[in-house]
Amino acid sequence: MKHPVDVHVGKRVRHRRWMVGMTQQQLAEKVGIKFQQIQKYETGMNRISASRLWDISEALDVPVSFFFEGIEEGGAKSRGAGSSVPGDIMADKEALELVRSYYAIPENQRRRLFDLARVLSDAA
């Protein structure tokens, strides 16, 4: 049976890997394992050891704490019932692609786009 923390950490690995545009094979090579093991980590099927998580954090250029963000006692955080945003928005491939594209925009234009998005969301 999968532990909710292992599932959460695996999702965070997948999200970060996807955000930096790295394949499972590339990540596996950087940490010295087979890509099938990365698949198992990302689904929470296999638990990631502390030393392996350290290697993954270095390969993905984030602190180890990144993988635990969003966890509360008893499992992963969930959004309030009245929210229109899904509880795990970063599990949505479209949302991840949008974020990656957003950060590819030059900073001054990105700021203007951000301001426009805030105005449009307030009007909706």
PDB file of N, CA and C in Angstrom:
ATOM      1  N   MET A   1       0.849  -1.195   0.000  1.00  0.00           N
ATOM      2  CA  MET A   1       0.000   0.000   0.000  1.00  0.00           C
ATOM      3  C   MET A   1       0.889   1.250   0.000  1.00  0.00           C
ATOM      4  N   LYS A   2       0.522   2.202  -0.820  1.00  0.00           N
ATOM      5  CA  LYS A   2       1.293   3.438  -0.922  1.00  0.00           C
ATOM      6  C   LYS A   2       1.027   4.328   0.286  1.00  0.00           C
ATOM      7  N   HIS A   3       2.080   4.913   0.826  1.00  0.00           N
ATOM      8  CA  HIS A   3       1.934   5.879   1.915  1.00  0.00           C
ATOM      9  C   HIS A   3       1.691   7.253   1.291  1.00  0.00           C
ATOM     10  N   PRO A   4       0.755   8.037   1.834  1.00  0.00           N
ATOM     11  CA  PRO A   4       0.442   9.352   1.239  1.00  0.00           C
ATOM     12  C   PRO A   4       1.654  10.281   1.131  1.00  0.00           C
ATOM     13  N   VAL A   5       2.587  10.189   2.052  1.00  0.00           N
ATOM     14  CA  VAL A   5       3.776  11.047   1.980  1.00  0.00           C
ATOM     15  C   VAL A   5       4.655  10.623   0.803  1.00  0.00           C
ATOM     16  N   ASP A   6       4.789   9.326   0.586  1.00  0.00           N
ATOM     17  CA  ASP A   6       5.578   8.850  -0.555  1.00  0.00           C
ATOM     18  C   ASP A   6       4.950   9.293  -1.873  1.00  0.00           C
ATOM     19  N   VAL A   7       3.638   9.264  -1.941  1.00  0.00           N
ATOM     20  CA  VAL A   7       2.924   9.710  -3.139  1.00  0.00           C
ATOM     21  C   VAL A   7       3.153  11.208  -3.346  1.00  0.00           C
ATOM     22  N   HIS A   8       3.051  11.984  -2.268  1.00  0.00           N
ATOM     23  CA  HIS A   8       3.247  13.433  -2.359  1.00  0.00           C
ATOM     24  C   HIS A   8       4.668  13.765  -2.814  1.00  0.00           C
ATOM     25  N   VAL A   9       5.658  13.144  -2.188  1.00  0.00           N
ATOM     26  CA  VAL A   9       7.051  13.395  -2.556  1.00  0.00           C
ATOM     27  C   VAL A   9       7.283  12.999  -4.014  1.00  0.00           C
ATOM     28  N   GLY A  10       6.736  11.870  -4.423  1.00  0.00           N
ATOM     29  CA  GLY A  10       6.875  11.438  -5.813  1.00  0.00           C
ATOM     30  C   GLY A  10       6.278  12.431  -6.792  1.00  0.00           C
ATOM     31  N   LYS A  11       5.116  12.974  -6.452  1.00  0.00           N
ATOM     32  CA  LYS A  11       4.492  13.979  -7.314  1.00  0.00           C
ATOM     33  C   LYS A  11       5.360  15.219  -7.414  1.00  0.00           C
ATOM     34  N   ARG A  12       5.959  15.604  -6.286  1.00  0.00           N
ATOM     35  CA  ARG A  12       6.824  16.792  -6.290  1.00  0.00           C
ATOM     36  C   ARG A  12       8.070  16.546  -7.144  1.00  0.00           C
ATOM     37  N   VAL A  13       8.595  15.329  -7.118  1.00  0.00           N
ATOM     38  CA  VAL A  13       9.729  14.984  -7.987  1.00  0.00           C
ATOM     39  C   VAL A  13       9.302  15.129  -9.443  1.00  0.00           C
ATOM     40  N   ARG A  14       8.162  14.538  -9.789  1.00  0.00           N
ATOM     41  CA  ARG A  14       7.665  14.599 -11.170  1.00  0.00           C
ATOM     42  C   ARG A  14       7.435  16.046 -11.605  1.00  0.00           C
ATOM     43  N   HIS A  15       6.810  16.846 -10.734  1.00  0.00           N
ATOM     44  CA  HIS A  15       6.526  18.237 -11.097  1.00  0.00           C
ATOM     45  C   HIS A  15       7.804  19.013 -11.361  1.00  0.00           C
ATOM     46  N   ARG A  16       8.756  18.871 -10.459  1.00  0.00           N
ATOM     47  CA  ARG A  16       9.999  19.623 -10.620  1.00  0.00           C
ATOM     48  C   ARG A  16      10.758  19.145 -11.864  1.00  0.00           C
ATOM     49  N   ARG A  17      10.798  17.833 -12.079  1.00  0.00           N
ATOM     50  CA  ARG A  17      11.475  17.293 -13.246  1.00  0.00           C
ATOM     51  C   ARG A  17      10.843  17.850 -14.517  1.00  0.00           C
ATOM     52  N   TRP A  18       9.528  17.864 -14.545  1.00  0.00           N
ATOM     53  CA  TRP A  18       8.816  18.368 -15.712  1.00  0.00           C
ATOM     54  C   TRP A  18       9.063  19.861 -15.891  1.00  0.00           C
ATOM     55  N   MET A  19       9.080  20.610 -14.782  1.00  0.00           N
ATOM     56  CA  MET A  19       9.284  22.063 -14.853  1.00  0.00           C
ATOM     57  C   MET A  19      10.653  22.421 -15.429  1.00  0.00           C
ATOM     58  N   VAL A  20      11.658  21.626 -15.123  1.00  0.00           N
ATOM     59  CA  VAL A  20      12.990  21.932 -15.653  1.00  0.00           C
ATOM     60  C   VAL A  20      13.223  21.280 -17.011  1.00  0.00           C
ATOM     61  N   GLY A  21      12.205  20.574 -17.525  1.00  0.00           N
ATOM     62  CA  GLY A  21      12.300  19.990 -18.853  1.00  0.00           C
ATOM     63  C   GLY A  21      13.210  18.772 -18.933  1.00  0.00           C
ATOM     64  N   MET A  22      13.246  18.008 -17.856  1.00  0.00           N
ATOM     65  CA  MET A  22      14.111  16.837 -17.794  1.00  0.00           C
ATOM     66  C   MET A  22      13.271  15.565 -17.951  1.00  0.00           C
ATOM     67  N   THR A  23      13.776  14.598 -18.677  1.00  0.00           N
ATOM     68  CA  THR A  23      13.081  13.320 -18.816  1.00  0.00           C
ATOM     69  C   THR A  23      13.409  12.424 -17.625  1.00  0.00           C
ATOM     70  N   GLN A  24      12.630  11.372 -17.465  1.00  0.00           N
ATOM     71  CA  GLN A  24      12.926  10.396 -16.416  1.00  0.00           C
ATOM     72  C   GLN A  24      14.297   9.774 -16.655  1.00  0.00           C
ATOM     73  N   GLN A  25      14.624   9.525 -17.902  1.00  0.00           N
ATOM     74  CA  GLN A  25      15.922   8.936 -18.242  1.00  0.00           C
ATOM     75  C   GLN A  25      17.064   9.867 -17.837  1.00  0.00           C
ATOM     76  N   GLN A  26      16.916  11.160 -18.123  1.00  0.00           N
ATOM     77  CA  GLN A  26      17.968  12.118 -17.779  1.00  0.00           C
ATOM     78  C   GLN A  26      18.156  12.209 -16.268  1.00  0.00           C
ATOM     79  N   LEU A  27      17.044  12.251 -15.530  1.00  0.00           N
ATOM     80  CA  LEU A  27      17.146  12.306 -14.072  1.00  0.00           C
ATOM     81  C   LEU A  27      17.795  11.032 -13.545  1.00  0.00           C
ATOM     82  N   ALA A  28      17.380   9.903 -14.070  1.00  0.00           N
ATOM     83  CA  ALA A  28      17.945   8.625 -13.633  1.00  0.00           C
ATOM     84  C   ALA A  28      19.457   8.599 -13.851  1.00  0.00           C
ATOM     85  N   GLU A  29      19.904   9.072 -14.986  1.00  0.00           N
ATOM     86  CA  GLU A  29      21.338   9.099 -15.279  1.00  0.00           C
ATOM     87  C   GLU A  29      22.080  10.003 -14.307  1.00  0.00           C
ATOM     88  N   LYS A  30      21.472  11.137 -13.971  1.00  0.00           N
ATOM     89  CA  LYS A  30      22.124  12.074 -13.041  1.00  0.00           C
ATOM     90  C   LYS A  30      22.283  11.497 -11.642  1.00  0.00           C
ATOM     91  N   VAL A  31      21.350  10.645 -11.229  1.00  0.00           N
ATOM     92  CA  VAL A  31      21.432  10.076  -9.877  1.00  0.00           C
ATOM     93  C   VAL A  31      21.956   8.640  -9.879  1.00  0.00           C
ATOM     94  N   GLY A  32      22.250   8.106 -11.071  1.00  0.00           N
ATOM     95  CA  GLY A  32      22.879   6.798 -11.163  1.00  0.00           C
ATOM     96  C   GLY A  32      21.960   5.607 -10.952  1.00  0.00           C
ATOM     97  N   ILE A  33      20.729   5.715 -11.454  1.00  0.00           N
ATOM     98  CA  ILE A  33      19.775   4.609 -11.351  1.00  0.00           C
ATOM     99  C   ILE A  33      19.071   4.426 -12.687  1.00  0.00           C
ATOM    100  N   LYS A  34      18.203   3.454 -12.777  1.00  0.00           N
ATOM    101  CA  LYS A  34      17.435   3.201 -14.007  1.00  0.00           C
ATOM    102  C   LYS A  34      16.172   4.061 -14.008  1.00  0.00           C
ATOM    103  N   PHE A  35      15.700   4.422 -15.205  1.00  0.00           N
ATOM    104  CA  PHE A  35      14.533   5.296 -15.294  1.00  0.00           C
ATOM    105  C   PHE A  35      13.289   4.633 -14.714  1.00  0.00           C
ATOM    106  N   GLN A  36      13.243   3.298 -14.718  1.00  0.00           N
ATOM    107  CA  GLN A  36      12.087   2.605 -14.150  1.00  0.00           C
ATOM    108  C   GLN A  36      11.960   2.903 -12.651  1.00  0.00           C
ATOM    109  N   GLN A  37      13.110   3.096 -11.999  1.00  0.00           N
ATOM    110  CA  GLN A  37      13.078   3.427 -10.572  1.00  0.00           C
ATOM    111  C   GLN A  37      12.493   4.829 -10.371  1.00  0.00           C
ATOM    112  N   ILE A  38      12.825   5.747 -11.264  1.00  0.00           N
ATOM    113  CA  ILE A  38      12.243   7.096 -11.200  1.00  0.00           C
ATOM    114  C   ILE A  38      10.731   6.993 -11.355  1.00  0.00           C
ATOM    115  N   GLN A  39      10.268   6.151 -12.283  1.00  0.00           N
ATOM    116  CA  GLN A  39       8.823   5.949 -12.459  1.00  0.00           C
ATOM    117  C   GLN A  39       8.185   5.481 -11.157  1.00  0.00           C
ATOM    118  N   LYS A  40       8.806   4.545 -10.491  1.00  0.00           N
ATOM    119  CA  LYS A  40       8.256   4.020  -9.241  1.00  0.00           C
ATOM    120  C   LYS A  40       8.266   5.075  -8.146  1.00  0.00           C
ATOM    121  N   TYR A  41       9.318   5.888  -8.090  1.00  0.00           N
ATOM    122  CA  TYR A  41       9.364   6.975  -7.111  1.00  0.00           C
ATOM    123  C   TYR A  41       8.236   7.978  -7.373  1.00  0.00           C
ATOM    124  N   GLU A  42       8.054   8.341  -8.631  1.00  0.00           N
ATOM    125  CA  GLU A  42       7.080   9.373  -8.977  1.00  0.00           C
ATOM    126  C   GLU A  42       5.641   8.950  -8.704  1.00  0.00           C
ATOM    127  N   THR A  43       5.367   7.682  -8.727  1.00  0.00           N
ATOM    128  CA  THR A  43       4.013   7.208  -8.415  1.00  0.00           C
ATOM    129  C   THR A  43       3.835   6.911  -6.935  1.00  0.00           C
ATOM    130  N   GLY A  44       4.931   6.925  -6.185  1.00  0.00           N
ATOM    131  CA  GLY A  44       4.854   6.591  -4.768  1.00  0.00           C
ATOM    132  C   GLY A  44       4.879   5.095  -4.524  1.00  0.00           C
ATOM    133  N   MET A  45       5.082   4.333  -5.581  1.00  0.00           N
ATOM    134  CA  MET A  45       5.135   2.881  -5.452  1.00  0.00           C
ATOM    135  C   MET A  45       6.350   2.475  -4.613  1.00  0.00           C
ATOM    136  N   ASN A  46       7.483   3.146  -4.842  1.00  0.00           N
ATOM    137  CA  ASN A  46       8.685   2.903  -4.047  1.00  0.00           C
ATOM    138  C   ASN A  46       9.013   4.150  -3.235  1.00  0.00           C
ATOM    139  N   ARG A  47       9.407   3.936  -2.012  1.00  0.00           N
ATOM    140  CA  ARG A  47       9.814   5.028  -1.113  1.00  0.00           C
ATOM    141  C   ARG A  47      11.227   5.473  -1.482  1.00  0.00           C
ATOM    142  N   ILE A  48      11.471   6.777  -1.439  1.00  0.00           N
ATOM    143  CA  ILE A  48      12.789   7.328  -1.761  1.00  0.00           C
ATOM    144  C   ILE A  48      13.592   7.445  -0.470  1.00  0.00           C
ATOM    145  N   SER A  49      14.780   6.853  -0.453  1.00  0.00           N
ATOM    146  CA  SER A  49      15.632   6.956   0.735  1.00  0.00           C
ATOM    147  C   SER A  49      16.142   8.388   0.881  1.00  0.00           C
ATOM    148  N   ALA A  50      16.602   8.720   2.061  1.00  0.00           N
ATOM    149  CA  ALA A  50      17.094  10.077   2.334  1.00  0.00           C
ATOM    150  C   ALA A  50      18.265  10.428   1.420  1.00  0.00           C
ATOM    151  N   SER A  51      19.210   9.508   1.262  1.00  0.00           N
ATOM    152  CA  SER A  51      20.373   9.801   0.418  1.00  0.00           C
ATOM    153  C   SER A  51      19.977   9.953  -1.048  1.00  0.00           C
ATOM    154  N   ARG A  52      19.016   9.154  -1.503  1.00  0.00           N
ATOM    155  CA  ARG A  52      18.558   9.256  -2.890  1.00  0.00           C
ATOM    156  C   ARG A  52      17.792  10.569  -3.094  1.00  0.00           C
ATOM    157  N   LEU A  53      16.990  10.950  -2.102  1.00  0.00           N
ATOM    158  CA  LEU A  53      16.261  12.215  -2.201  1.00  0.00           C
ATOM    159  C   LEU A  53      17.235  13.383  -2.256  1.00  0.00           C
ATOM    160  N   TRP A  54      18.317  13.260  -1.513  1.00  0.00           N
ATOM    161  CA  TRP A  54      19.369  14.285  -1.545  1.00  0.00           C
ATOM    162  C   TRP A  54      19.943  14.389  -2.964  1.00  0.00           C
ATOM    163  N   ASP A  55      20.253  13.235  -3.578  1.00  0.00           N
ATOM    164  CA  ASP A  55      20.792  13.232  -4.941  1.00  0.00           C
ATOM    165  C   ASP A  55      19.790  13.818  -5.937  1.00  0.00           C
ATOM    166  N   ILE A  56      18.527  13.466  -5.776  1.00  0.00           N
ATOM    167  CA  ILE A  56      17.484  13.981  -6.668  1.00  0.00           C
ATOM    168  C   ILE A  56      17.338  15.491  -6.505  1.00  0.00           C
ATOM    169  N   SER A  57      17.411  15.958  -5.257  1.00  0.00           N
ATOM    170  CA  SER A  57      17.285  17.402  -5.029  1.00  0.00           C
ATOM    171  C   SER A  57      18.429  18.167  -5.687  1.00  0.00           C
ATOM    172  N   GLU A  58      19.624  17.591  -5.654  1.00  0.00           N
ATOM    173  CA  GLU A  58      20.758  18.242  -6.315  1.00  0.00           C
ATOM    174  C   GLU A  58      20.594  18.213  -7.836  1.00  0.00           C
ATOM    175  N   ALA A  59      20.122  17.094  -8.368  1.00  0.00           N
ATOM    176  CA  ALA A  59      19.928  16.975  -9.818  1.00  0.00           C
ATOM    177  C   ALA A  59      18.860  17.937 -10.316  1.00  0.00           C
ATOM    178  N   LEU A  60      17.836  18.185  -9.477  1.00  0.00           N
ATOM    179  CA  LEU A  60      16.724  19.060  -9.874  1.00  0.00           C
ATOM    180  C   LEU A  60      16.898  20.492  -9.354  1.00  0.00           C
ATOM    181  N   ASP A  61      18.027  20.739  -8.674  1.00  0.00           N
ATOM    182  CA  ASP A  61      18.389  22.074  -8.192  1.00  0.00           C
ATOM    183  C   ASP A  61      17.329  22.690  -7.277  1.00  0.00           C
ATOM    184  N   VAL A  62      16.887  21.909  -6.289  1.00  0.00           N
ATOM    185  CA  VAL A  62      15.970  22.391  -5.259  1.00  0.00           C
ATOM    186  C   VAL A  62      16.426  21.841  -3.918  1.00  0.00           C
ATOM    187  N   PRO A  63      16.064  22.519  -2.814  1.00  0.00           N
ATOM    188  CA  PRO A  63      16.386  21.947  -1.501  1.00  0.00           C
ATOM    189  C   PRO A  63      15.508  20.722  -1.238  1.00  0.00           C
ATOM    190  N   VAL A  64      15.975  19.827  -0.399  1.00  0.00           N
ATOM    191  CA  VAL A  64      15.208  18.622  -0.060  1.00  0.00           C
ATOM    192  C   VAL A  64      13.829  18.996   0.468  1.00  0.00           C
ATOM    193  N   SER A  65      13.738  20.089   1.191  1.00  0.00           N
ATOM    194  CA  SER A  65      12.458  20.522   1.774  1.00  0.00           C
ATOM    195  C   SER A  65      11.394  20.774   0.711  1.00  0.00           C
ATOM    196  N   PHE A  66      11.816  21.074  -0.521  1.00  0.00           N
ATOM    197  CA  PHE A  66      10.874  21.308  -1.622  1.00  0.00           C
ATOM    198  C   PHE A  66       9.896  20.147  -1.771  1.00  0.00           C
ATOM    199  N   PHE A  67      10.396  18.934  -1.610  1.00  0.00           N
ATOM    200  CA  PHE A  67       9.578  17.751  -1.848  1.00  0.00           C
ATOM    201  C   PHE A  67       8.508  17.540  -0.778  1.00  0.00           C
ATOM    202  N   PHE A  68       8.649  18.232   0.348  1.00  0.00           N
ATOM    203  CA  PHE A  68       7.685  18.082   1.436  1.00  0.00           C
ATOM    204  C   PHE A  68       6.735  19.272   1.551  1.00  0.00           C
ATOM    205  N   GLU A  69       6.928  20.280   0.710  1.00  0.00           N
ATOM    206  CA  GLU A  69       6.039  21.442   0.745  1.00  0.00           C
ATOM    207  C   GLU A  69       4.623  20.995   0.429  1.00  0.00           C
ATOM    208  N   GLY A  70       3.671  21.515   1.188  1.00  0.00           N
ATOM    209  CA  GLY A  70       2.273  21.201   0.948  1.00  0.00           C
ATOM    210  C   GLY A  70       1.753  20.032   1.752  1.00  0.00           C
ATOM    211  N   ILE A  71       2.588  19.492   2.624  1.00  0.00           N
ATOM    212  CA  ILE A  71       2.138  18.367   3.453  1.00  0.00           C
ATOM    213  C   ILE A  71       1.750  18.878   4.832  1.00  0.00           C
ATOM    214  N   GLU A  72       0.619  18.401   5.296  1.00  0.00           N
ATOM    215  CA  GLU A  72       0.190  18.654   6.669  1.00  0.00           C
ATOM    216  C   GLU A  72       0.169  17.315   7.374  1.00  0.00           C
ATOM    217  N   GLU A  73      -0.023  17.329   8.675  1.00  0.00           N
ATOM    218  CA  GLU A  73      -0.174  16.070   9.399  1.00  0.00           C
ATOM    219  C   GLU A  73      -1.326  15.289   8.797  1.00  0.00           C
ATOM    220  N   GLY A  74      -1.084  14.026   8.530  1.00  0.00           N
ATOM    221  CA  GLY A  74      -2.147  13.180   8.013  1.00  0.00           C
ATOM    222  C   GLY A  74      -2.225  13.140   6.499  1.00  0.00           C
ATOM    223  N   GLY A  75      -1.328  13.787   5.778  1.00  0.00           N
ATOM    224  CA  GLY A  75      -1.351  13.691   4.322  1.00  0.00           C
ATOM    225  C   GLY A  75      -1.167  15.012   3.644  1.00  0.00           C
ATOM    226  N   ALA A  76      -1.493  15.035   2.379  1.00  0.00           N
ATOM    227  CA  ALA A  76      -1.308  16.238   1.574  1.00  0.00           C
ATOM    228  C   ALA A  76      -2.428  17.231   1.836  1.00  0.00           C
ATOM    229  N   LYS A  77      -2.116  18.496   1.642  1.00  0.00           N
ATOM    230  CA  LYS A  77      -3.109  19.562   1.812  1.00  0.00           C
ATOM    231  C   LYS A  77      -4.209  19.444   0.790  1.00  0.00           C
ATOM    232  N   SER A  78      -5.377  19.924   1.149  1.00  0.00           N
ATOM    233  CA  SER A  78      -6.447  20.010   0.156  1.00  0.00           C
ATOM    234  C   SER A  78      -7.015  21.417   0.196  1.00  0.00           C
ATOM    235  N   ARG A  79      -7.543  21.844  -0.919  1.00  0.00           N
ATOM    236  CA  ARG A  79      -8.139  23.179  -1.008  1.00  0.00           C
ATOM    237  C   ARG A  79      -9.498  23.193  -0.346  1.00  0.00           C
ATOM    238  N   GLY A  80      -9.925  24.384  -0.010  1.00  0.00           N
ATOM    239  CA  GLY A  80     -11.252  24.529   0.566  1.00  0.00           C
ATOM    240  C   GLY A  80     -12.333  24.149  -0.423  1.00  0.00           C
ATOM    241  N   ALA A  81     -13.487  23.778   0.099  1.00  0.00           N
ATOM    242  CA  ALA A  81     -14.572  23.306  -0.761  1.00  0.00           C
ATOM    243  C   ALA A  81     -15.039  24.376  -1.742  1.00  0.00           C
ATOM    244  N   GLY A  82     -14.929  25.649  -1.387  1.00  0.00           N
ATOM    245  CA  GLY A  82     -15.412  26.714  -2.249  1.00  0.00           C
ATOM    246  C   GLY A  82     -14.432  27.145  -3.319  1.00  0.00           C
ATOM    247  N   SER A  83     -13.250  26.566  -3.349  1.00  0.00           N
ATOM    248  CA  SER A  83     -12.233  26.966  -4.307  1.00  0.00           C
ATOM    249  C   SER A  83     -12.497  26.354  -5.671  1.00  0.00           C
ATOM    250  N   SER A  84     -12.234  27.140  -6.726  1.00  0.00           N
ATOM    251  CA  SER A  84     -12.381  26.608  -8.080  1.00  0.00           C
ATOM    252  C   SER A  84     -11.068  26.023  -8.576  1.00  0.00           C
ATOM    253  N   VAL A  85     -10.013  26.134  -7.764  1.00  0.00           N
ATOM    254  CA  VAL A  85      -8.713  25.597  -8.127  1.00  0.00           C
ATOM    255  C   VAL A  85      -8.596  24.186  -7.567  1.00  0.00           C
ATOM    256  N   PRO A  86      -8.192  23.216  -8.395  1.00  0.00           N
ATOM    257  CA  PRO A  86      -8.053  21.862  -7.883  1.00  0.00           C
ATOM    258  C   PRO A  86      -7.026  21.795  -6.764  1.00  0.00           C
ATOM    259  N   GLY A  87      -7.201  20.845  -5.843  1.00  0.00           N
ATOM    260  CA  GLY A  87      -6.294  20.708  -4.701  1.00  0.00           C
ATOM    261  C   GLY A  87      -4.858  20.468  -5.126  1.00  0.00           C
ATOM    262  N   ASP A  88      -4.648  19.742  -6.200  1.00  0.00           N
ATOM    263  CA  ASP A  88      -3.301  19.459  -6.681  1.00  0.00           C
ATOM    264  C   ASP A  88      -3.157  20.014  -8.092  1.00  0.00           C
ATOM    265  N   ILE A  89      -3.150  21.332  -8.189  1.00  0.00           N
ATOM    266  CA  ILE A  89      -3.116  21.976  -9.505  1.00  0.00           C
ATOM    267  C   ILE A  89      -1.863  21.615 -10.281  1.00  0.00           C
ATOM    268  N   MET A  90      -0.762  21.355  -9.577  1.00  0.00           N
ATOM    269  CA  MET A  90       0.464  21.039 -10.281  1.00  0.00           C
ATOM    270  C   MET A  90       0.474  19.614 -10.838  1.00  0.00           C
ATOM    271  N   ALA A  91      -0.578  18.847 -10.584  1.00  0.00           N
ATOM    272  CA  ALA A  91      -0.707  17.532 -11.202  1.00  0.00           C
ATOM    273  C   ALA A  91      -1.283  17.669 -12.608  1.00  0.00           C
ATOM    274  N   ASP A  92      -1.790  18.850 -12.929  1.00  0.00           N
ATOM    275  CA  ASP A  92      -2.379  19.111 -14.238  1.00  0.00           C
ATOM    276  C   ASP A  92      -1.272  19.509 -15.208  1.00  0.00           C
ATOM    277  N   LYS A  93      -1.098  18.712 -16.252  1.00  0.00           N
ATOM    278  CA  LYS A  93      -0.019  18.960 -17.214  1.00  0.00           C
ATOM    279  C   LYS A  93      -0.155  20.320 -17.882  1.00  0.00           C
ATOM    280  N   GLU A  94      -1.398  20.742 -18.147  1.00  0.00           N
ATOM    281  CA  GLU A  94      -1.623  22.054 -18.770  1.00  0.00           C
ATOM    282  C   GLU A  94      -1.142  23.172 -17.849  1.00  0.00           C
ATOM    283  N   ALA A  95      -1.408  23.041 -16.556  1.00  0.00           N
ATOM    284  CA  ALA A  95      -0.962  24.058 -15.596  1.00  0.00           C
ATOM    285  C   ALA A  95       0.562  24.116 -15.531  1.00  0.00           C
ATOM    286  N   LEU A  96       1.197  22.957 -15.548  1.00  0.00           N
ATOM    287  CA  LEU A  96       2.659  22.922 -15.530  1.00  0.00           C
ATOM    288  C   LEU A  96       3.244  23.566 -16.784  1.00  0.00           C
ATOM    289  N   GLU A  97       2.632  23.269 -17.926  1.00  0.00           N
ATOM    290  CA  GLU A  97       3.109  23.854 -19.176  1.00  0.00           C
ATOM    291  C   GLU A  97       2.923  25.368 -19.172  1.00  0.00           C
ATOM    292  N   LEU A  98       1.813  25.820 -18.621  1.00  0.00           N
ATOM    293  CA  LEU A  98       1.559  27.255 -18.522  1.00  0.00           C
ATOM    294  C   LEU A  98       2.612  27.938 -17.648  1.00  0.00           C
ATOM    295  N   VAL A  99       2.939  27.336 -16.527  1.00  0.00           N
ATOM    296  CA  VAL A  99       3.945  27.914 -15.627  1.00  0.00           C
ATOM    297  C   VAL A  99       5.308  27.942 -16.307  1.00  0.00           C
ATOM    298  N   ARG A 100       5.665  26.857 -16.963  1.00  0.00           N
ATOM    299  CA  ARG A 100       6.965  26.814 -17.635  1.00  0.00           C
ATOM    300  C   ARG A 100       7.024  27.865 -18.744  1.00  0.00           C
ATOM    301  N   SER A 101       5.965  28.011 -19.503  1.00  0.00           N
ATOM    302  CA  SER A 101       5.922  29.023 -20.566  1.00  0.00           C
ATOM    303  C   SER A 101       5.986  30.428 -19.982  1.00  0.00           C
ATOM    304  N   TYR A 102       5.286  30.627 -18.874  1.00  0.00           N
ATOM    305  CA  TYR A 102       5.271  31.933 -18.206  1.00  0.00           C
ATOM    306  C   TYR A 102       6.687  32.366 -17.830  1.00  0.00           C
ATOM    307  N   TYR A 103       7.451  31.454 -17.256  1.00  0.00           N
ATOM    308  CA  TYR A 103       8.803  31.806 -16.831  1.00  0.00           C
ATOM    309  C   TYR A 103       9.786  31.915 -17.986  1.00  0.00           C
ATOM    310  N   ALA A 104       9.385  31.498 -19.179  1.00  0.00           N
ATOM    311  CA  ALA A 104      10.231  31.670 -20.355  1.00  0.00           C
ATOM    312  C   ALA A 104      10.088  33.071 -20.945  1.00  0.00           C
ATOM    313  N   ILE A 105       9.069  33.808 -20.516  1.00  0.00           N
ATOM    314  CA  ILE A 105       8.822  35.174 -20.997  1.00  0.00           C
ATOM    315  C   ILE A 105       9.773  36.125 -20.278  1.00  0.00           C
ATOM    316  N   PRO A 106      10.335  37.112 -20.986  1.00  0.00           N
ATOM    317  CA  PRO A 106      11.202  38.101 -20.324  1.00  0.00           C
ATOM    318  C   PRO A 106      10.476  38.767 -19.145  1.00  0.00           C
ATOM    319  N   GLU A 107      11.241  39.085 -18.105  1.00  0.00           N
ATOM    320  CA  GLU A 107      10.658  39.531 -16.834  1.00  0.00           C
ATOM    321  C   GLU A 107       9.709  40.727 -16.956  1.00  0.00           C
ATOM    322  N   ASN A 108      10.070  41.745 -17.732  1.00  0.00           N
ATOM    323  CA  ASN A 108       9.195  42.920 -17.831  1.00  0.00           C
ATOM    324  C   ASN A 108       7.864  42.569 -18.494  1.00  0.00           C
ATOM    325  N   GLN A 109       7.901  41.729 -19.522  1.00  0.00           N
ATOM    326  CA  GLN A 109       6.664  41.297 -20.178  1.00  0.00           C
ATOM    327  C   GLN A 109       5.875  40.345 -19.277  1.00  0.00           C
ATOM    328  N   ARG A 110       6.598  39.521 -18.530  1.00  0.00           N
ATOM    329  CA  ARG A 110       5.948  38.583 -17.611  1.00  0.00           C
ATOM    330  C   ARG A 110       5.155  39.341 -16.548  1.00  0.00           C
ATOM    331  N   ARG A 111       5.712  40.413 -16.049  1.00  0.00           N
ATOM    332  CA  ARG A 111       5.032  41.221 -15.031  1.00  0.00           C
ATOM    333  C   ARG A 111       3.737  41.812 -15.591  1.00  0.00           C
ATOM    334  N   ARG A 112       3.801  42.291 -16.837  1.00  0.00           N
ATOM    335  CA  ARG A 112       2.606  42.850 -17.469  1.00  0.00           C
ATOM    336  C   ARG A 112       1.544  41.781 -17.690  1.00  0.00           C
ATOM    337  N   LEU A 113       1.970  40.593 -18.091  1.00  0.00           N
ATOM    338  CA  LEU A 113       1.041  39.475 -18.270  1.00  0.00           C
ATOM    339  C   LEU A 113       0.403  39.090 -16.934  1.00  0.00           C
ATOM    340  N   PHE A 114       1.196  39.087 -15.890  1.00  0.00           N
ATOM    341  CA  PHE A 114       0.689  38.762 -14.553  1.00  0.00           C
ATOM    342  C   PHE A 114      -0.383  39.775 -14.135  1.00  0.00           C
ATOM    343  N   ASP A 115      -0.102  41.058 -14.340  1.00  0.00           N
ATOM    344  CA  ASP A 115      -1.077  42.098 -13.999  1.00  0.00           C
ATOM    345  C   ASP A 115      -2.364  41.932 -14.798  1.00  0.00           C
ATOM    346  N   LEU A 116      -2.231  41.609 -16.088  1.00  0.00           N
ATOM    347  CA  LEU A 116      -3.402  41.387 -16.926  1.00  0.00           C
ATOM    348  C   LEU A 116      -4.219  40.191 -16.412  1.00  0.00           C
ATOM    349  N   ALA A 117      -3.544  39.109 -16.057  1.00  0.00           N
ATOM    350  CA  ALA A 117      -4.235  37.918 -15.563  1.00  0.00           C
ATOM    351  C   ALA A 117      -4.992  38.226 -14.268  1.00  0.00           C
ATOM    352  N   ARG A 118      -4.412  39.038 -13.399  1.00  0.00           N
ATOM    353  CA  ARG A 118      -5.092  39.418 -12.149  1.00  0.00           C
ATOM    354  C   ARG A 118      -6.356  40.224 -12.452  1.00  0.00           C
ATOM    355  N   VAL A 119      -6.275  41.164 -13.386  1.00  0.00           N
ATOM    356  CA  VAL A 119      -7.432  41.972 -13.752  1.00  0.00           C
ATOM    357  C   VAL A 119      -8.516  41.083 -14.343  1.00  0.00           C
ATOM    358  N   LEU A 120      -8.141  40.180 -15.245  1.00  0.00           N
ATOM    359  CA  LEU A 120      -9.126  39.295 -15.867  1.00  0.00           C
ATOM    360  C   LEU A 120      -9.768  38.361 -14.848  1.00  0.00           C
ATOM    361  N   SER A 121      -8.999  37.865 -13.897  1.00  0.00           N
ATOM    362  CA  SER A 121      -9.596  36.963 -12.899  1.00  0.00           C
ATOM    363  C   SER A 121     -10.515  37.706 -11.949  1.00  0.00           C
ATOM    364  N   ASP A 122     -10.221  38.962 -11.674  1.00  0.00           N
ATOM    365  CA  ASP A 122     -11.102  39.771 -10.822  1.00  0.00           C
ATOM    366  C   ASP A 122     -12.412  40.067 -11.539  1.00  0.00           C
ATOM    367  N   ALA A 123     -12.357  40.198 -12.872  1.00  0.00           N
ATOM    368  CA  ALA A 123     -13.553  40.536 -13.647  1.00  0.00           C
ATOM    369  C   ALA A 123     -14.475  39.308 -13.833  1.00  0.00           C
ATOM    370  N   ALA A 124     -13.922  38.137 -13.699  1.00  0.00           N
ATOM    371  CA  ALA A 124     -14.717  36.911 -13.950  1.00  0.00           C
ATOM    372  C   ALA A 124     -15.682  36.602 -12.842  1.00  0.00           C
TER     373      ALA A 124
END
